[in-house]
Amino acid sequence: MEEKDIIEKYNAWNIKKQDIQLARHIKEIYFKEGQIWWCSIGLNIGSESYGKGENFRRPVLIIKKLSADLCIVLPLTSKEKIGTWFIDITFQGEKRWVMLYQVRALNKKRFYLKMGELDNTDFARTKEKLEELLKLSENRHPAKAGIEGNNPKSNLIIG
């Protein structure tokens, strides 16, 4: 894709994002853990997952409700993915793959349409696999593991 095309896409996303921010329908949106929603996740950078079409949408699985407005989600794809960063699920009779490494917080203003709810078995499997990927319960401090501070470039702030 040429630079001009990339700039046009980012400009379109910026306009869409403003529309989402100013939307008035959000009071009618109620979500809960385990649901799958079409969501405007945007045009992102590099290998970050992004939405498709003029509304930059992609289905997401709500993994954790933080408040009435904010939740932690995992994007879904219909393309087969293999590896520890993914888990396969069946939703409405179709195979999907949850992109565990793309975990992110979203405001309900980005939600468009509730697609349904994931069954309890696949939801539990997804949460277990996410916990396994993140290994947050282990006592692993980056400095103790030699991850931070050894490379002067690792502490650079790009601005």
C-alpha atoms as a PDB file:
ATOM      1  CA  MET A   1       0.000   0.000   0.000  1.00  0.00           C
ATOM      2  CA  GLU A   2       1.306   3.428  -0.906  1.00  0.00           C
ATOM      3  CA  GLU A   3       1.899   6.159   1.660  1.00  0.00           C
ATOM      4  CA  LYS A   4      -0.969   8.241   0.229  1.00  0.00           C
ATOM      5  CA  ASP A   5      -3.397   5.322   0.686  1.00  0.00           C
ATOM      6  CA  ILE A   6      -2.214   4.741   4.246  1.00  0.00           C
ATOM      7  CA  ILE A   7      -2.731   8.406   5.133  1.00  0.00           C
ATOM      8  CA  GLU A   8      -6.243   8.328   3.619  1.00  0.00           C
ATOM      9  CA  LYS A   9      -7.135   5.246   5.694  1.00  0.00           C
ATOM     10  CA  TYR A  10      -5.845   6.832   8.917  1.00  0.00           C
ATOM     11  CA  ASN A  11      -7.762  10.038   8.145  1.00  0.00           C
ATOM     12  CA  ALA A  12     -10.942   8.001   7.603  1.00  0.00           C
ATOM     13  CA  TRP A  13     -10.393   6.200  10.925  1.00  0.00           C
ATOM     14  CA  ASN A  14      -9.822   9.515  12.695  1.00  0.00           C
ATOM     15  CA  ILE A  15     -13.181  10.816  11.428  1.00  0.00           C
ATOM     16  CA  LYS A  16     -14.901   7.558  12.411  1.00  0.00           C
ATOM     17  CA  LYS A  17     -13.323   7.715  15.870  1.00  0.00           C
ATOM     18  CA  GLN A  18     -14.731  11.225  16.358  1.00  0.00           C
ATOM     19  CA  ASP A  19     -18.195   9.960  15.343  1.00  0.00           C
ATOM     20  CA  ILE A  20     -17.875   7.122  17.871  1.00  0.00           C
ATOM     21  CA  GLN A  21     -16.810   9.497  20.645  1.00  0.00           C
ATOM     22  CA  LEU A  22     -19.807  11.788  20.009  1.00  0.00           C
ATOM     23  CA  ALA A  23     -22.343   8.963  19.595  1.00  0.00           C
ATOM     24  CA  ARG A  24     -25.456   9.212  21.725  1.00  0.00           C
ATOM     25  CA  HIS A  25     -26.668   5.582  21.509  1.00  0.00           C
ATOM     26  CA  ILE A  26     -24.202   4.222  24.057  1.00  0.00           C
ATOM     27  CA  LYS A  27     -26.529   4.402  27.061  1.00  0.00           C
ATOM     28  CA  GLU A  28     -28.500   1.564  25.461  1.00  0.00           C
ATOM     29  CA  ILE A  29     -25.495  -0.770  25.337  1.00  0.00           C
ATOM     30  CA  TYR A  30     -25.196  -3.397  28.070  1.00  0.00           C
ATOM     31  CA  PHE A  31     -22.501  -6.030  27.847  1.00  0.00           C
ATOM     32  CA  LYS A  32     -21.178  -8.884  29.951  1.00  0.00           C
ATOM     33  CA  GLU A  33     -18.301 -11.313  30.039  1.00  0.00           C
ATOM     34  CA  GLY A  34     -18.436 -14.075  27.464  1.00  0.00           C
ATOM     35  CA  GLN A  35     -20.339 -12.052  24.874  1.00  0.00           C
ATOM     36  CA  ILE A  36     -19.076 -11.466  21.348  1.00  0.00           C
ATOM     37  CA  TRP A  37     -19.681  -8.050  19.771  1.00  0.00           C
ATOM     38  CA  TRP A  38     -18.950  -6.392  16.458  1.00  0.00           C
ATOM     39  CA  CYS A  39     -16.715  -3.548  17.531  1.00  0.00           C
ATOM     40  CA  SER A  40     -14.944  -0.605  15.859  1.00  0.00           C
ATOM     41  CA  ILE A  41     -11.386  -1.317  16.934  1.00  0.00           C
ATOM     42  CA  GLY A  42      -9.828   0.942  14.359  1.00  0.00           C
ATOM     43  CA  LEU A  43      -6.843   1.105  12.119  1.00  0.00           C
ATOM     44  CA  ASN A  44      -3.841   0.250  14.234  1.00  0.00           C
ATOM     45  CA  ILE A  45      -0.084   0.082  13.805  1.00  0.00           C
ATOM     46  CA  GLY A  46       2.172  -2.735  12.641  1.00  0.00           C
ATOM     47  CA  SER A  47       0.969  -6.201  13.601  1.00  0.00           C
ATOM     48  CA  GLU A  48      -1.761  -4.915  15.951  1.00  0.00           C
ATOM     49  CA  SER A  49      -5.178  -6.260  15.007  1.00  0.00           C
ATOM     50  CA  TYR A  50      -7.416  -3.845  13.163  1.00  0.00           C
ATOM     51  CA  GLY A  51     -11.005  -3.582  12.056  1.00  0.00           C
ATOM     52  CA  LYS A  52     -12.181  -3.935   8.494  1.00  0.00           C
ATOM     53  CA  GLY A  53     -14.507  -1.987   6.248  1.00  0.00           C
ATOM     54  CA  GLU A  54     -15.554   1.647   6.471  1.00  0.00           C
ATOM     55  CA  ASN A  55     -16.351   1.272  10.187  1.00  0.00           C
ATOM     56  CA  PHE A  56     -13.099  -0.560  11.028  1.00  0.00           C
ATOM     57  CA  ARG A  57     -14.982  -3.367  12.786  1.00  0.00           C
ATOM     58  CA  ARG A  58     -13.975  -6.784  14.020  1.00  0.00           C
ATOM     59  CA  PRO A  59     -15.664  -9.246  16.385  1.00  0.00           C
ATOM     60  CA  VAL A  60     -14.299  -9.237  19.928  1.00  0.00           C
ATOM     61  CA  LEU A  61     -14.827 -11.475  22.936  1.00  0.00           C
ATOM     62  CA  ILE A  62     -15.422  -9.706  26.247  1.00  0.00           C
ATOM     63  CA  ILE A  63     -13.062 -11.438  28.646  1.00  0.00           C
ATOM     64  CA  LYS A  64     -13.489  -9.138  31.682  1.00  0.00           C
ATOM     65  CA  LYS A  65     -16.012  -6.405  32.505  1.00  0.00           C
ATOM     66  CA  LEU A  66     -14.282  -3.597  34.408  1.00  0.00           C
ATOM     67  CA  SER A  67     -17.198  -1.145  34.664  1.00  0.00           C
ATOM     68  CA  ALA A  68     -20.457  -0.306  32.908  1.00  0.00           C
ATOM     69  CA  ASP A  69     -18.395   1.433  30.196  1.00  0.00           C
ATOM     70  CA  LEU A  70     -15.068  -0.413  30.029  1.00  0.00           C
ATOM     71  CA  CYS A  71     -13.970  -3.991  29.442  1.00  0.00           C
ATOM     72  CA  ILE A  72     -11.035  -6.167  28.428  1.00  0.00           C
ATOM     73  CA  VAL A  73     -11.516  -7.827  25.026  1.00  0.00           C
ATOM     74  CA  LEU A  74      -9.826 -10.280  22.710  1.00  0.00           C
ATOM     75  CA  PRO A  75     -10.252  -9.867  18.940  1.00  0.00           C
ATOM     76  CA  LEU A  76     -11.435 -12.827  16.835  1.00  0.00           C
ATOM     77  CA  THR A  77     -10.529 -13.966  13.356  1.00  0.00           C
ATOM     78  CA  SER A  78     -12.051 -16.454  10.932  1.00  0.00           C
ATOM     79  CA  LYS A  79      -8.605 -17.337   9.545  1.00  0.00           C
ATOM     80  CA  GLU A  80      -7.025 -20.428  11.054  1.00  0.00           C
ATOM     81  CA  LYS A  81      -4.196 -19.599  13.436  1.00  0.00           C
ATOM     82  CA  ILE A  82      -1.811 -22.051  15.093  1.00  0.00           C
ATOM     83  CA  GLY A  83       0.372 -21.390  18.122  1.00  0.00           C
ATOM     84  CA  THR A  84       0.354 -20.422  21.782  1.00  0.00           C
ATOM     85  CA  TRP A  85      -0.976 -16.944  20.984  1.00  0.00           C
ATOM     86  CA  PHE A  86      -4.290 -18.316  19.680  1.00  0.00           C
ATOM     87  CA  ILE A  87      -7.133 -20.593  20.721  1.00  0.00           C
ATOM     88  CA  ASP A  88      -9.818 -22.074  18.520  1.00  0.00           C
ATOM     89  CA  ILE A  89     -13.473 -21.707  19.518  1.00  0.00           C
ATOM     90  CA  THR A  90     -16.778 -22.599  17.947  1.00  0.00           C
ATOM     91  CA  PHE A  91     -19.280 -19.768  17.771  1.00  0.00           C
ATOM     92  CA  GLN A  92     -22.694 -20.122  16.143  1.00  0.00           C
ATOM     93  CA  GLY A  93     -21.553 -23.337  14.482  1.00  0.00           C
ATOM     94  CA  GLU A  94     -18.427 -21.799  12.918  1.00  0.00           C
ATOM     95  CA  LYS A  95     -14.788 -22.175  13.860  1.00  0.00           C
ATOM     96  CA  ARG A  96     -13.089 -18.936  14.980  1.00  0.00           C
ATOM     97  CA  TRP A  97      -9.705 -18.153  16.495  1.00  0.00           C
ATOM     98  CA  VAL A  98      -9.199 -15.861  19.473  1.00  0.00           C
ATOM     99  CA  MET A  99      -6.092 -13.678  19.174  1.00  0.00           C
ATOM    100  CA  LEU A 100      -4.880 -13.892  22.773  1.00  0.00           C
ATOM    101  CA  TYR A 101      -1.848 -11.662  22.198  1.00  0.00           C
ATOM    102  CA  GLN A 102      -4.085  -8.759  21.104  1.00  0.00           C
ATOM    103  CA  VAL A 103      -5.719  -8.276  24.528  1.00  0.00           C
ATOM    104  CA  ARG A 104      -6.878  -4.683  25.068  1.00  0.00           C
ATOM    105  CA  ALA A 105      -9.276  -2.445  26.965  1.00  0.00           C
ATOM    106  CA  LEU A 106     -12.218  -0.915  25.076  1.00  0.00           C
ATOM    107  CA  ASN A 107     -14.980   1.523  25.885  1.00  0.00           C
ATOM    108  CA  LYS A 108     -18.519   0.432  25.043  1.00  0.00           C
ATOM    109  CA  LYS A 109     -18.783   3.374  22.634  1.00  0.00           C
ATOM    110  CA  ARG A 110     -16.881   1.178  20.165  1.00  0.00           C
ATOM    111  CA  PHE A 111     -19.525  -1.583  20.330  1.00  0.00           C
ATOM    112  CA  TYR A 112     -21.905  -1.889  17.394  1.00  0.00           C
ATOM    113  CA  LEU A 113     -23.837  -5.162  17.483  1.00  0.00           C
ATOM    114  CA  LYS A 114     -24.011  -8.040  19.944  1.00  0.00           C
ATOM    115  CA  MET A 115     -23.448 -11.256  18.019  1.00  0.00           C
ATOM    116  CA  GLY A 116     -24.142 -13.614  20.917  1.00  0.00           C
ATOM    117  CA  GLU A 117     -22.490 -15.397  23.784  1.00  0.00           C
ATOM    118  CA  LEU A 118     -19.688 -17.937  23.777  1.00  0.00           C
ATOM    119  CA  ASP A 119     -20.502 -21.251  25.475  1.00  0.00           C
ATOM    120  CA  ASN A 120     -19.106 -21.774  28.968  1.00  0.00           C
ATOM    121  CA  THR A 121     -16.619 -24.465  27.913  1.00  0.00           C
ATOM    122  CA  ASP A 122     -14.924 -22.371  25.206  1.00  0.00           C
ATOM    123  CA  PHE A 123     -15.006 -19.275  27.442  1.00  0.00           C
ATOM    124  CA  ALA A 124     -13.269 -21.157  30.277  1.00  0.00           C
ATOM    125  CA  ARG A 125     -10.697 -22.608  27.826  1.00  0.00           C
ATOM    126  CA  THR A 126     -10.004 -19.114  26.463  1.00  0.00           C
ATOM    127  CA  LYS A 127      -9.463 -17.616  29.925  1.00  0.00           C
ATOM    128  CA  GLU A 128      -7.136 -20.481  30.893  1.00  0.00           C
ATOM    129  CA  LYS A 129      -5.104 -20.122  27.709  1.00  0.00           C
ATOM    130  CA  LEU A 130      -4.849 -16.325  28.208  1.00  0.00           C
ATOM    131  CA  GLU A 131      -3.632 -16.836  31.783  1.00  0.00           C
ATOM    132  CA  GLU A 132      -1.091 -19.353  30.502  1.00  0.00           C
ATOM    133  CA  LEU A 133       0.143 -16.936  27.819  1.00  0.00           C
ATOM    134  CA  LEU A 134       0.480 -13.961  30.162  1.00  0.00           C
ATOM    135  CA  LYS A 135       1.817 -15.911  33.169  1.00  0.00           C
ATOM    136  CA  LEU A 136       0.823 -13.055  35.446  1.00  0.00           C
ATOM    137  CA  SER A 137       0.626 -15.231  38.551  1.00  0.00           C
ATOM    138  CA  GLU A 138       4.358 -15.999  38.494  1.00  0.00           C
ATOM    139  CA  ASN A 139       6.757 -13.774  40.393  1.00  0.00           C
ATOM    140  CA  ARG A 140       8.577 -12.516  37.302  1.00  0.00           C
ATOM    141  CA  HIS A 141       9.849  -8.974  37.558  1.00  0.00           C
ATOM    142  CA  PRO A 142      11.364  -7.718  34.242  1.00  0.00           C
ATOM    143  CA  ALA A 143      14.422  -6.224  35.927  1.00  0.00           C
ATOM    144  CA  LYS A 144      15.172  -9.488  37.748  1.00  0.00           C
ATOM    145  CA  ALA A 145      14.813 -11.405  34.503  1.00  0.00           C
ATOM    146  CA  GLY A 146      17.347  -9.119  32.808  1.00  0.00           C
ATOM    147  CA  ILE A 147      14.776  -7.797  30.372  1.00  0.00           C
ATOM    148  CA  GLU A 148      14.942  -4.109  31.295  1.00  0.00           C
ATOM    149  CA  GLY A 149      17.997  -1.927  31.462  1.00  0.00           C
ATOM    150  CA  ASN A 150      20.499  -4.108  29.574  1.00  0.00           C
ATOM    151  CA  ASN A 151      19.822  -2.480  26.249  1.00  0.00           C
ATOM    152  CA  PRO A 152      19.997   1.339  26.159  1.00  0.00           C
ATOM    153  CA  LYS A 153      17.537   1.357  23.254  1.00  0.00           C
ATOM    154  CA  SER A 154      14.900  -0.494  25.334  1.00  0.00           C
ATOM    155  CA  ASN A 155      14.296   2.599  27.453  1.00  0.00           C
ATOM    156  CA  LEU A 156      13.945   5.077  24.597  1.00  0.00           C
ATOM    157  CA  ILE A 157      10.809   7.165  24.358  1.00  0.00           C
ATOM    158  CA  ILE A 158       9.726   7.932  20.833  1.00  0.00           C
ATOM    159  CA  GLY A 159       7.969  11.260  20.589  1.00  0.00           C
END
